[in-house]
Amino acid sequence: MIKVTFYSLFRSNYNIEEEHVNPGSINDIIKQIIGKYPQIKASNFRYSVVFHKGKPITFHRFDTRIEDGEEIFFTQFVGGG
């Protein structure tokens, strides 16, 4: 299983902090999350950043495979002024 932790808008808008899913690409993981939480729109993930082993992964690299036992973090950057 993969541990997925959510920060920023995912946490505040959808009240989801952590989930465990099966290994696969980040796109596969997103599909699993939406399957469990259909209120989350797929478009919200397009503007998110995944941190894996301390390195950021953006939408264009969501084909990156996450292996069993690893951990990732989803966040969205929020600005204000």
C-alpha atoms as a PDB file:
ATOM      1  CA  MET A   1       0.000   0.000   0.000  1.00  0.00           C
ATOM      2  CA  ILE A   2       0.993   3.600  -0.545  1.00  0.00           C
ATOM      3  CA  LYS A   3       0.396   6.265   2.063  1.00  0.00           C
ATOM      4  CA  VAL A   4      -1.013   9.456   0.549  1.00  0.00           C
ATOM      5  CA  THR A   5      -1.099  12.614   2.673  1.00  0.00           C
ATOM      6  CA  PHE A   6      -3.090  15.681   1.629  1.00  0.00           C
ATOM      7  CA  TYR A   7      -2.321  19.322   2.405  1.00  0.00           C
ATOM      8  CA  SER A   8      -3.757  22.728   1.499  1.00  0.00           C
ATOM      9  CA  LEU A   9      -7.061  22.853  -0.352  1.00  0.00           C
ATOM     10  CA  PHE A  10      -7.507  19.080  -0.423  1.00  0.00           C
ATOM     11  CA  ARG A  11      -7.465  19.005   3.342  1.00  0.00           C
ATOM     12  CA  SER A  12      -9.571  22.123   3.939  1.00  0.00           C
ATOM     13  CA  ASN A  13     -12.099  21.704   1.089  1.00  0.00           C
ATOM     14  CA  TYR A  14     -12.617  17.945   1.249  1.00  0.00           C
ATOM     15  CA  ASN A  15     -11.682  17.161   4.847  1.00  0.00           C
ATOM     16  CA  ILE A  16      -9.297  14.427   3.742  1.00  0.00           C
ATOM     17  CA  GLU A  17      -5.943  14.121   5.487  1.00  0.00           C
ATOM     18  CA  GLU A  18      -4.602  10.703   4.616  1.00  0.00           C
ATOM     19  CA  GLU A  19      -5.471   7.694   2.519  1.00  0.00           C
ATOM     20  CA  HIS A  20      -3.902   4.351   1.652  1.00  0.00           C
ATOM     21  CA  VAL A  21      -4.060   3.128  -1.955  1.00  0.00           C
ATOM     22  CA  ASN A  22      -2.542   0.474  -4.191  1.00  0.00           C
ATOM     23  CA  PRO A  23       0.757   1.088  -5.997  1.00  0.00           C
ATOM     24  CA  GLY A  24       0.770   2.470  -9.517  1.00  0.00           C
ATOM     25  CA  SER A  25       1.354   5.675 -11.409  1.00  0.00           C
ATOM     26  CA  ILE A  26       0.249   8.936  -9.839  1.00  0.00           C
ATOM     27  CA  ASN A  27      -2.600   8.977 -12.387  1.00  0.00           C
ATOM     28  CA  ASP A  28      -3.650   5.521 -11.142  1.00  0.00           C
ATOM     29  CA  ILE A  29      -3.504   6.763  -7.561  1.00  0.00           C
ATOM     30  CA  ILE A  30      -5.673   9.776  -8.429  1.00  0.00           C
ATOM     31  CA  LYS A  31      -8.284   7.449  -9.964  1.00  0.00           C
ATOM     32  CA  GLN A  32      -8.327   5.391  -6.763  1.00  0.00           C
ATOM     33  CA  ILE A  33      -8.749   8.524  -4.642  1.00  0.00           C
ATOM     34  CA  ILE A  34     -11.595   9.844  -6.814  1.00  0.00           C
ATOM     35  CA  GLY A  35     -13.201   6.397  -6.571  1.00  0.00           C
ATOM     36  CA  LYS A  36     -13.247   6.742  -2.778  1.00  0.00           C
ATOM     37  CA  TYR A  37     -14.053  10.471  -2.758  1.00  0.00           C
ATOM     38  CA  PRO A  38     -16.184  11.235  -5.851  1.00  0.00           C
ATOM     39  CA  GLN A  39     -16.757  14.796  -4.631  1.00  0.00           C
ATOM     40  CA  ILE A  40     -13.131  15.605  -5.557  1.00  0.00           C
ATOM     41  CA  LYS A  41     -12.970  16.827  -9.138  1.00  0.00           C
ATOM     42  CA  ALA A  42     -10.207  15.379 -11.305  1.00  0.00           C
ATOM     43  CA  SER A  43      -9.325  18.930 -12.396  1.00  0.00           C
ATOM     44  CA  ASN A  44      -8.191  19.731  -8.841  1.00  0.00           C
ATOM     45  CA  PHE A  45      -5.294  17.339  -9.278  1.00  0.00           C
ATOM     46  CA  ARG A  46      -4.115  19.055 -12.472  1.00  0.00           C
ATOM     47  CA  TYR A  47      -2.906  22.043 -10.463  1.00  0.00           C
ATOM     48  CA  SER A  48      -1.498  20.069  -7.578  1.00  0.00           C
ATOM     49  CA  VAL A  49       2.062  19.101  -6.823  1.00  0.00           C
ATOM     50  CA  VAL A  50       3.074  15.691  -5.552  1.00  0.00           C
ATOM     51  CA  PHE A  51       6.104  15.348  -3.339  1.00  0.00           C
ATOM     52  CA  HIS A  52       7.816  11.980  -3.600  1.00  0.00           C
ATOM     53  CA  LYS A  53      11.066  11.347  -1.745  1.00  0.00           C
ATOM     54  CA  GLY A  54      11.361  15.107  -1.204  1.00  0.00           C
ATOM     55  CA  LYS A  55      11.123  15.974  -4.899  1.00  0.00           C
ATOM     56  CA  PRO A  56       8.190  17.781  -6.534  1.00  0.00           C
ATOM     57  CA  ILE A  57       6.280  16.149  -9.366  1.00  0.00           C
ATOM     58  CA  THR A  58       3.886  18.211 -11.476  1.00  0.00           C
ATOM     59  CA  PHE A  59       0.972  17.186 -13.696  1.00  0.00           C
ATOM     60  CA  HIS A  60       3.117  16.493 -16.748  1.00  0.00           C
ATOM     61  CA  ARG A  61       4.973  13.727 -14.878  1.00  0.00           C
ATOM     62  CA  PHE A  62       1.979  12.045 -13.237  1.00  0.00           C
ATOM     63  CA  ASP A  63       2.901   8.876 -15.142  1.00  0.00           C
ATOM     64  CA  THR A  64       5.641   8.401 -12.504  1.00  0.00           C
ATOM     65  CA  ARG A  65       5.197   5.057 -10.781  1.00  0.00           C
ATOM     66  CA  ILE A  66       4.994   4.918  -6.988  1.00  0.00           C
ATOM     67  CA  GLU A  67       6.048   1.602  -5.510  1.00  0.00           C
ATOM     68  CA  ASP A  68       4.510  -0.399  -2.693  1.00  0.00           C
ATOM     69  CA  GLY A  69       5.449   0.895   0.767  1.00  0.00           C
ATOM     70  CA  GLU A  70       6.281   4.423  -0.425  1.00  0.00           C
ATOM     71  CA  GLU A  71       4.656   7.683   0.621  1.00  0.00           C
ATOM     72  CA  ILE A  72       3.558  10.723  -1.368  1.00  0.00           C
ATOM     73  CA  PHE A  73       2.095  14.119  -0.493  1.00  0.00           C
ATOM     74  CA  PHE A  74      -0.444  16.092  -2.535  1.00  0.00           C
ATOM     75  CA  THR A  75      -0.585  19.857  -2.126  1.00  0.00           C
ATOM     76  CA  GLN A  76      -1.855  22.859  -4.037  1.00  0.00           C
ATOM     77  CA  PHE A  77      -0.089  26.164  -3.918  1.00  0.00           C
ATOM     78  CA  VAL A  78      -2.326  28.939  -2.696  1.00  0.00           C
ATOM     79  CA  GLY A  79      -1.558  32.612  -3.061  1.00  0.00           C
ATOM     80  CA  GLY A  80      -3.082  35.750  -1.743  1.00  0.00           C
ATOM     81  CA  GLY A  81      -2.313  39.325  -1.436  1.00  0.00           C
END
